[in-house]
Protein backbone atom coordinates (compact mmCIF):
# COMPACT_ATOMS: atom_id res chain seq x y z
CA UNK A 1 0.00 0.00 0.00
CA UNK A 2 2.81 2.40 0.88
CA UNK A 3 4.41 2.00 -2.54
CA UNK A 4 1.09 2.63 -4.27
CA UNK A 5 0.46 5.77 -2.21
CA UNK A 6 3.93 7.15 -2.90
CA UNK A 7 3.73 6.25 -6.61
CA UNK A 8 0.41 8.09 -6.85
CA UNK A 9 1.73 11.10 -4.94
CA UNK A 10 4.84 11.43 -7.08
CA UNK A 11 2.89 10.98 -10.33
CA UNK A 12 0.61 13.89 -9.35
CA UNK A 13 3.58 15.93 -8.15
CA UNK A 14 5.34 15.36 -11.46
CA UNK A 15 2.30 16.65 -13.34
CA UNK A 16 2.12 19.74 -11.13
CA UNK A 17 5.84 20.45 -11.42
CA UNK A 18 5.66 20.33 -15.20
CA UNK A 19 3.00 23.06 -15.10
CA UNK A 20 4.06 25.24 -12.15
CA UNK A 21 7.82 24.63 -11.92
CA UNK A 22 8.95 23.53 -15.39
CA UNK A 23 12.55 24.42 -14.55
CA UNK A 24 12.69 21.58 -12.00
CA UNK A 25 13.46 18.00 -12.94
CA UNK A 26 10.59 15.92 -11.50
CA UNK A 27 12.70 12.75 -11.50
CA UNK A 28 15.40 14.48 -9.46
CA UNK A 29 12.81 15.80 -7.01
CA UNK A 30 11.44 12.28 -6.57
CA UNK A 31 14.92 10.79 -6.13
CA UNK A 32 15.60 13.29 -3.34
CA UNK A 33 12.18 13.27 -1.67
CA UNK A 34 11.01 9.64 -1.84
CA UNK A 35 13.60 8.37 0.69
CA UNK A 36 12.49 11.13 3.07
CA UNK A 37 8.91 9.84 3.40
CA UNK A 38 9.71 7.97 6.60
CA UNK A 39 11.47 11.04 8.01
CA UNK A 40 8.47 13.26 7.26
CA UNK A 41 6.13 10.72 8.83
CA UNK A 42 8.36 10.40 11.90
CA UNK A 43 8.15 14.16 12.35
CA UNK A 44 4.36 13.96 12.07
CA UNK A 45 4.36 11.08 14.56
CA UNK A 46 6.42 13.19 16.99
CA UNK A 47 3.77 15.91 16.78
CA UNK A 48 0.87 13.48 17.21
CA UNK A 49 2.47 11.81 20.24
CA UNK A 50 2.91 15.19 21.90
CA UNK A 51 -0.60 16.33 21.05
CA UNK A 52 -2.57 13.13 21.61
CA UNK A 53 -0.48 10.17 22.84
CA UNK A 54 -3.37 7.72 22.37
CA UNK A 55 -4.25 8.88 18.85
CA UNK A 56 -5.26 6.11 16.42
CA UNK A 57 -2.57 7.19 13.96
CA UNK A 58 0.05 5.90 16.37
CA UNK A 59 0.20 2.24 15.45
CA UNK A 60 2.72 -0.51 14.63
CA UNK A 61 3.08 0.71 11.03
CA UNK A 62 3.85 4.31 12.04
CA UNK A 63 6.19 3.12 14.78
CA UNK A 64 8.04 1.07 12.15
CA UNK A 65 8.24 4.13 9.89
CA UNK A 66 9.78 6.08 12.75
CA UNK A 67 12.38 3.35 13.32
CA UNK A 68 13.11 3.34 9.58
CA UNK A 69 13.57 7.13 9.65
CA UNK A 70 15.95 6.93 12.58
CA UNK A 71 18.00 4.24 10.82
CA UNK A 72 18.08 6.40 7.67
CA UNK A 73 19.29 9.42 9.65
CA UNK A 74 22.03 7.37 11.34
CA UNK A 75 23.63 6.56 7.97
PDB file of N, CA and C in Angstrom:
ATOM      1  N   UNK A   1       0.820  -1.193   0.000  1.00  0.00           N
ATOM      2  CA  UNK A   1       0.000   0.000   0.000  1.00  0.00           C
ATOM      3  C   UNK A   1       0.868   1.263   0.000  1.00  0.00           C
ATOM      4  N   UNK A   2       1.934   1.233   0.804  1.00  0.00           N
ATOM      5  CA  UNK A   2       2.809   2.403   0.883  1.00  0.00           C
ATOM      6  C   UNK A   2       3.384   2.752  -0.483  1.00  0.00           C
ATOM      7  N   UNK A   3       3.835   1.754  -1.208  1.00  0.00           N
ATOM      8  CA  UNK A   3       4.414   2.003  -2.536  1.00  0.00           C
ATOM      9  C   UNK A   3       3.372   2.623  -3.458  1.00  0.00           C
ATOM     10  N   UNK A   4       2.160   2.094  -3.426  1.00  0.00           N
ATOM     11  CA  UNK A   4       1.092   2.631  -4.273  1.00  0.00           C
ATOM     12  C   UNK A   4       0.797   4.090  -3.927  1.00  0.00           C
ATOM     13  N   UNK A   5       0.734   4.400  -2.636  1.00  0.00           N
ATOM     14  CA  UNK A   5       0.463   5.775  -2.209  1.00  0.00           C
ATOM     15  C   UNK A   5       1.575   6.702  -2.686  1.00  0.00           C
ATOM     16  N   UNK A   6       2.818   6.300  -2.481  1.00  0.00           N
ATOM     17  CA  UNK A   6       3.935   7.146  -2.905  1.00  0.00           C
ATOM     18  C   UNK A   6       4.001   7.268  -4.423  1.00  0.00           C
ATOM     19  N   UNK A   7       3.756   6.187  -5.142  1.00  0.00           N
ATOM     20  CA  UNK A   7       3.733   6.255  -6.608  1.00  0.00           C
ATOM     21  C   UNK A   7       2.671   7.238  -7.087  1.00  0.00           C
ATOM     22  N   UNK A   8       1.498   7.181  -6.478  1.00  0.00           N
ATOM     23  CA  UNK A   8       0.410   8.090  -6.848  1.00  0.00           C
ATOM     24  C   UNK A   8       0.784   9.531  -6.527  1.00  0.00           C
ATOM     25  N   UNK A   9       1.324   9.755  -5.345  1.00  0.00           N
ATOM     26  CA  UNK A   9       1.734  11.099  -4.935  1.00  0.00           C
ATOM     27  C   UNK A   9       2.753  11.675  -5.915  1.00  0.00           C
ATOM     28  N   UNK A  10       3.790  10.906  -6.222  1.00  0.00           N
ATOM     29  CA  UNK A  10       4.840  11.433  -7.085  1.00  0.00           C
ATOM     30  C   UNK A  10       4.384  11.590  -8.529  1.00  0.00           C
ATOM     31  N   UNK A  11       3.456  10.792  -8.984  1.00  0.00           N
ATOM     32  CA  UNK A  11       2.889  10.980 -10.329  1.00  0.00           C
ATOM     33  C   UNK A  11       2.151  12.313 -10.399  1.00  0.00           C
ATOM     34  N   UNK A  12       1.348  12.610  -9.387  1.00  0.00           N
ATOM     35  CA  UNK A  12       0.614  13.887  -9.347  1.00  0.00           C
ATOM     36  C   UNK A  12       1.574  15.055  -9.173  1.00  0.00           C
ATOM     37  N   UNK A  13       2.588  14.876  -8.339  1.00  0.00           N
ATOM     38  CA  UNK A  13       3.578  15.934  -8.147  1.00  0.00           C
ATOM     39  C   UNK A  13       4.306  16.220  -9.455  1.00  0.00           C
ATOM     40  N   UNK A  14       4.661  15.177 -10.184  1.00  0.00           N
ATOM     41  CA  UNK A  14       5.341  15.356 -11.465  1.00  0.00           C
ATOM     42  C   UNK A  14       4.478  16.183 -12.417  1.00  0.00           C
ATOM     43  N   UNK A  15       3.200  15.880 -12.485  1.00  0.00           N
ATOM     44  CA  UNK A  15       2.297  16.652 -13.344  1.00  0.00           C
ATOM     45  C   UNK A  15       2.266  18.121 -12.920  1.00  0.00           C
ATOM     46  N   UNK A  16       2.179  18.364 -11.632  1.00  0.00           N
ATOM     47  CA  UNK A  16       2.125  19.737 -11.131  1.00  0.00           C
ATOM     48  C   UNK A  16       3.432  20.475 -11.383  1.00  0.00           C
ATOM     49  N   UNK A  17       4.550  19.806 -11.185  1.00  0.00           N
ATOM     50  CA  UNK A  17       5.839  20.453 -11.419  1.00  0.00           C
ATOM     51  C   UNK A  17       6.005  20.849 -12.879  1.00  0.00           C
ATOM     52  N   UNK A  18       5.535  20.020 -13.772  1.00  0.00           N
ATOM     53  CA  UNK A  18       5.664  20.329 -15.200  1.00  0.00           C
ATOM     54  C   UNK A  18       4.880  21.592 -15.556  1.00  0.00           C
ATOM     55  N   UNK A  19       3.810  21.868 -14.834  1.00  0.00           N
ATOM     56  CA  UNK A  19       3.001  23.062 -15.097  1.00  0.00           C
ATOM     57  C   UNK A  19       3.531  24.274 -14.331  1.00  0.00           C
ATOM     58  N   UNK A  20       3.763  24.101 -13.026  1.00  0.00           N
ATOM     59  CA  UNK A  20       4.061  25.235 -12.155  1.00  0.00           C
ATOM     60  C   UNK A  20       5.549  25.486 -11.907  1.00  0.00           C
ATOM     61  N   UNK A  21       6.372  24.493 -12.117  1.00  0.00           N
ATOM     62  CA  UNK A  21       7.822  24.632 -11.924  1.00  0.00           C
ATOM     63  C   UNK A  21       8.562  23.887 -13.032  1.00  0.00           C
ATOM     64  N   UNK A  22       8.366  24.288 -14.286  1.00  0.00           N
ATOM     65  CA  UNK A  22       8.952  23.525 -15.395  1.00  0.00           C
ATOM     66  C   UNK A  22      10.481  23.511 -15.400  1.00  0.00           C
ATOM     67  N   UNK A  23      11.085  24.392 -14.624  1.00  0.00           N
ATOM     68  CA  UNK A  23      12.546  24.420 -14.549  1.00  0.00           C
ATOM     69  C   UNK A  23      13.102  23.309 -13.657  1.00  0.00           C
ATOM     70  N   UNK A  24      12.239  22.672 -12.867  1.00  0.00           N
ATOM     71  CA  UNK A  24      12.686  21.581 -11.996  1.00  0.00           C
ATOM     72  C   UNK A  24      12.566  20.242 -12.709  1.00  0.00           C
ATOM     73  N   UNK A  25      13.492  19.358 -12.403  1.00  0.00           N
ATOM     74  CA  UNK A  25      13.462  18.000 -12.944  1.00  0.00           C
ATOM     75  C   UNK A  25      12.645  17.123 -11.988  1.00  0.00           C
ATOM     76  N   UNK A  26      11.437  16.711 -12.396  1.00  0.00           N
ATOM     77  CA  UNK A  26      10.588  15.916 -11.495  1.00  0.00           C
ATOM     78  C   UNK A  26      11.241  14.616 -11.036  1.00  0.00           C
ATOM     79  N   UNK A  27      12.039  13.998 -11.893  1.00  0.00           N
ATOM     80  CA  UNK A  27      12.705  12.750 -11.496  1.00  0.00           C
ATOM     81  C   UNK A  27      13.730  13.003 -10.396  1.00  0.00           C
ATOM     82  N   UNK A  28      14.424  14.133 -10.496  1.00  0.00           N
ATOM     83  CA  UNK A  28      15.400  14.475  -9.463  1.00  0.00           C
ATOM     84  C   UNK A  28      14.697  14.789  -8.137  1.00  0.00           C
ATOM     85  N   UNK A  29      13.582  15.506  -8.214  1.00  0.00           N
ATOM     86  CA  UNK A  29      12.807  15.797  -7.007  1.00  0.00           C
ATOM     87  C   UNK A  29      12.376  14.487  -6.344  1.00  0.00           C
ATOM     88  N   UNK A  30      11.869  13.565  -7.138  1.00  0.00           N
ATOM     89  CA  UNK A  30      11.436  12.282  -6.569  1.00  0.00           C
ATOM     90  C   UNK A  30      12.606  11.514  -5.968  1.00  0.00           C
ATOM     91  N   UNK A  31      13.742  11.503  -6.657  1.00  0.00           N
ATOM     92  CA  UNK A  31      14.919  10.791  -6.125  1.00  0.00           C
ATOM     93  C   UNK A  31      15.335  11.351  -4.767  1.00  0.00           C
ATOM     94  N   UNK A  32      15.207  12.675  -4.603  1.00  0.00           N
ATOM     95  CA  UNK A  32      15.596  13.293  -3.339  1.00  0.00           C
ATOM     96  C   UNK A  32      14.518  13.154  -2.268  1.00  0.00           C
ATOM     97  N   UNK A  33      13.264  13.237  -2.655  1.00  0.00           N
ATOM     98  CA  UNK A  33      12.175  13.270  -1.674  1.00  0.00           C
ATOM     99  C   UNK A  33      11.670  11.900  -1.253  1.00  0.00           C
ATOM    100  N   UNK A  34      11.615  10.946  -2.170  1.00  0.00           N
ATOM    101  CA  UNK A  34      11.014   9.644  -1.835  1.00  0.00           C
ATOM    102  C   UNK A  34      11.672   9.006  -0.605  1.00  0.00           C
ATOM    103  N   UNK A  35      12.995   8.995  -0.495  1.00  0.00           N
ATOM    104  CA  UNK A  35      13.601   8.374   0.690  1.00  0.00           C
ATOM    105  C   UNK A  35      13.274   9.110   1.994  1.00  0.00           C
ATOM    106  N   UNK A  36      12.779  10.343   1.883  1.00  0.00           N
ATOM    107  CA  UNK A  36      12.485  11.132   3.072  1.00  0.00           C
ATOM    108  C   UNK A  36      11.067  10.930   3.603  1.00  0.00           C
ATOM    109  N   UNK A  37      10.288  10.075   2.943  1.00  0.00           N
ATOM    110  CA  UNK A  37       8.912   9.839   3.395  1.00  0.00           C
ATOM    111  C   UNK A  37       8.877   9.411   4.856  1.00  0.00           C
ATOM    112  N   UNK A  38       9.710   8.461   5.218  1.00  0.00           N
ATOM    113  CA  UNK A  38       9.707   7.968   6.602  1.00  0.00           C
ATOM    114  C   UNK A  38      10.118   9.074   7.568  1.00  0.00           C
ATOM    115  N   UNK A  39      11.041   9.929   7.155  1.00  0.00           N
ATOM    116  CA  UNK A  39      11.475  11.038   8.011  1.00  0.00           C
ATOM    117  C   UNK A  39      10.319  12.018   8.222  1.00  0.00           C
ATOM    118  N   UNK A  40       9.617  12.349   7.142  1.00  0.00           N
ATOM    119  CA  UNK A  40       8.470  13.257   7.258  1.00  0.00           C
ATOM    120  C   UNK A  40       7.400  12.649   8.158  1.00  0.00           C
ATOM    121  N   UNK A  41       7.150  11.358   7.991  1.00  0.00           N
ATOM    122  CA  UNK A  41       6.128  10.722   8.826  1.00  0.00           C
ATOM    123  C   UNK A  41       6.577  10.675  10.289  1.00  0.00           C
ATOM    124  N   UNK A  42       7.855  10.430  10.524  1.00  0.00           N
ATOM    125  CA  UNK A  42       8.358  10.399  11.899  1.00  0.00           C
ATOM    126  C   UNK A  42       8.178  11.762  12.561  1.00  0.00           C
ATOM    127  N   UNK A  43       8.366  12.828  11.806  1.00  0.00           N
ATOM    128  CA  UNK A  43       8.151  14.162  12.353  1.00  0.00           C
ATOM    129  C   UNK A  43       6.675  14.361  12.692  1.00  0.00           C
ATOM    130  N   UNK A  44       5.800  13.895  11.806  1.00  0.00           N
ATOM    131  CA  UNK A  44       4.362  13.962  12.075  1.00  0.00           C
ATOM    132  C   UNK A  44       4.018  13.135  13.316  1.00  0.00           C
ATOM    133  N   UNK A  45       4.605  11.961  13.414  1.00  0.00           N
ATOM    134  CA  UNK A  45       4.357  11.083  14.565  1.00  0.00           C
ATOM    135  C   UNK A  45       4.799  11.762  15.863  1.00  0.00           C
ATOM    136  N   UNK A  46       5.934  12.452  15.815  1.00  0.00           N
ATOM    137  CA  UNK A  46       6.421  13.188  16.989  1.00  0.00           C
ATOM    138  C   UNK A  46       5.375  14.207  17.428  1.00  0.00           C
ATOM    139  N   UNK A  47       4.820  14.942  16.468  1.00  0.00           N
ATOM    140  CA  UNK A  47       3.774  15.914  16.782  1.00  0.00           C
ATOM    141  C   UNK A  47       2.546  15.231  17.390  1.00  0.00           C
ATOM    142  N   UNK A  48       2.084  14.165  16.745  1.00  0.00           N
ATOM    143  CA  UNK A  48       0.873  13.481  17.212  1.00  0.00           C
ATOM    144  C   UNK A  48       1.071  12.935  18.627  1.00  0.00           C
ATOM    145  N   UNK A  49       2.230  12.357  18.895  1.00  0.00           N
ATOM    146  CA  UNK A  49       2.473  11.807  20.239  1.00  0.00           C
ATOM    147  C   UNK A  49       2.458  12.896  21.306  1.00  0.00           C
ATOM    148  N   UNK A  50       2.942  14.082  20.948  1.00  0.00           N
ATOM    149  CA  UNK A  50       2.909  15.187  21.902  1.00  0.00           C
ATOM    150  C   UNK A  50       1.515  15.751  22.090  1.00  0.00           C
ATOM    151  N   UNK A  51       0.743  15.749  21.036  1.00  0.00           N
ATOM    152  CA  UNK A  51      -0.596  16.335  21.052  1.00  0.00           C
ATOM    153  C   UNK A  51      -1.634  15.374  21.622  1.00  0.00           C
ATOM    154  N   UNK A  52      -1.560  14.113  21.202  1.00  0.00           N
ATOM    155  CA  UNK A  52      -2.570  13.129  21.606  1.00  0.00           C
ATOM    156  C   UNK A  52      -1.922  11.743  21.652  1.00  0.00           C
ATOM    157  N   UNK A  53      -1.264  11.412  22.757  1.00  0.00           N
ATOM    158  CA  UNK A  53      -0.482  10.169  22.836  1.00  0.00           C
ATOM    159  C   UNK A  53      -1.251   8.886  22.536  1.00  0.00           C
ATOM    160  N   UNK A  54      -2.565   8.920  22.647  1.00  0.00           N
ATOM    161  CA  UNK A  54      -3.369   7.724  22.370  1.00  0.00           C
ATOM    162  C   UNK A  54      -4.056   7.784  21.007  1.00  0.00           C
ATOM    163  N   UNK A  55      -3.602   8.695  20.154  1.00  0.00           N
ATOM    164  CA  UNK A  55      -4.251   8.875  18.846  1.00  0.00           C
ATOM    165  C   UNK A  55      -4.164   7.595  18.016  1.00  0.00           C
ATOM    166  N   UNK A  56      -5.207   7.333  17.229  1.00  0.00           N
ATOM    167  CA  UNK A  56      -5.263   6.108  16.423  1.00  0.00           C
ATOM    168  C   UNK A  56      -4.188   6.058  15.343  1.00  0.00           C
ATOM    169  N   UNK A  57      -3.626   7.208  14.979  1.00  0.00           N
ATOM    170  CA  UNK A  57      -2.575   7.193  13.956  1.00  0.00           C
ATOM    171  C   UNK A  57      -1.234   6.717  14.500  1.00  0.00           C
ATOM    172  N   UNK A  58      -1.152   6.503  15.786  1.00  0.00           N
ATOM    173  CA  UNK A  58       0.047   5.898  16.372  1.00  0.00           C
ATOM    174  C   UNK A  58      -0.226   4.401  16.423  1.00  0.00           C
ATOM    175  N   UNK A  59       0.460   3.670  15.580  1.00  0.00           N
ATOM    176  CA  UNK A  59       0.196   2.237  15.451  1.00  0.00           C
ATOM    177  C   UNK A  59       1.485   1.525  15.047  1.00  0.00           C
ATOM    178  N   UNK A  60       1.490   0.214  14.970  1.00  0.00           N
ATOM    179  CA  UNK A  60       2.724  -0.508  14.635  1.00  0.00           C
ATOM    180  C   UNK A  60       3.357  -0.059  13.305  1.00  0.00           C
ATOM    181  N   UNK A  61       2.533   0.259  12.321  1.00  0.00           N
ATOM    182  CA  UNK A  61       3.080   0.714  11.033  1.00  0.00           C
ATOM    183  C   UNK A  61       3.819   2.038  11.196  1.00  0.00           C
ATOM    184  N   UNK A  62       3.199   3.002  11.898  1.00  0.00           N
ATOM    185  CA  UNK A  62       3.849   4.308  12.041  1.00  0.00           C
ATOM    186  C   UNK A  62       5.060   4.227  12.966  1.00  0.00           C
ATOM    187  N   UNK A  63       5.009   3.337  13.934  1.00  0.00           N
ATOM    188  CA  UNK A  63       6.189   3.122  14.780  1.00  0.00           C
ATOM    189  C   UNK A  63       7.336   2.547  13.941  1.00  0.00           C
ATOM    190  N   UNK A  64       7.018   1.643  13.033  1.00  0.00           N
ATOM    191  CA  UNK A  64       8.044   1.072  12.148  1.00  0.00           C
ATOM    192  C   UNK A  64       8.610   2.141  11.218  1.00  0.00           C
ATOM    193  N   UNK A  65       7.753   3.027  10.728  1.00  0.00           N
ATOM    194  CA  UNK A  65       8.241   4.130   9.891  1.00  0.00           C
ATOM    195  C   UNK A  65       9.214   5.008  10.670  1.00  0.00           C
ATOM    196  N   UNK A  66       8.897   5.265  11.921  1.00  0.00           N
ATOM    197  CA  UNK A  66       9.781   6.081  12.747  1.00  0.00           C
ATOM    198  C   UNK A  66      11.126   5.390  12.936  1.00  0.00           C
ATOM    199  N   UNK A  67      11.111   4.094  13.194  1.00  0.00           N
ATOM    200  CA  UNK A  67      12.380   3.354  13.323  1.00  0.00           C
ATOM    201  C   UNK A  67      13.165   3.395  12.011  1.00  0.00           C
ATOM    202  N   UNK A  68      12.455   3.279  10.892  1.00  0.00           N
ATOM    203  CA  UNK A  68      13.106   3.343   9.580  1.00  0.00           C
ATOM    204  C   UNK A  68      13.736   4.720   9.372  1.00  0.00           C
ATOM    205  N   UNK A  69      13.039   5.770   9.779  1.00  0.00           N
ATOM    206  CA  UNK A  69      13.571   7.126   9.646  1.00  0.00           C
ATOM    207  C   UNK A  69      14.824   7.300  10.492  1.00  0.00           C
ATOM    208  N   UNK A  70      14.783   6.812  11.711  1.00  0.00           N
ATOM    209  CA  UNK A  70      15.955   6.930  12.578  1.00  0.00           C
ATOM    210  C   UNK A  70      17.145   6.174  12.003  1.00  0.00           C
ATOM    211  N   UNK A  71      16.909   5.008  11.454  1.00  0.00           N
ATOM    212  CA  UNK A  71      17.996   4.245  10.820  1.00  0.00           C
ATOM    213  C   UNK A  71      18.546   5.007   9.619  1.00  0.00           C
ATOM    214  N   UNK A  72      17.667   5.611   8.835  1.00  0.00           N
ATOM    215  CA  UNK A  72      18.084   6.401   7.668  1.00  0.00           C
ATOM    216  C   UNK A  72      18.954   7.577   8.111  1.00  0.00           C
ATOM    217  N   UNK A  73      18.553   8.245   9.177  1.00  0.00           N
ATOM    218  CA  UNK A  73      19.292   9.417   9.648  1.00  0.00           C
ATOM    219  C   UNK A  73      20.632   9.044  10.275  1.00  0.00           C
ATOM    220  N   UNK A  74      20.761   7.816  10.743  1.00  0.00           N
ATOM    221  CA  UNK A  74      22.031   7.373  11.336  1.00  0.00           C
ATOM    222  C   UNK A  74      23.083   7.044  10.288  1.00  0.00           C
ATOM    223  N   UNK A  75      22.677   6.912   9.039  1.00  0.00           N
ATOM    224  CA  UNK A  75      23.633   6.561   7.970  1.00  0.00           C
ATOM    225  C   UNK A  75      24.684   7.634   7.808  1.00  0.00           C
TER     226      UNK A  75
END
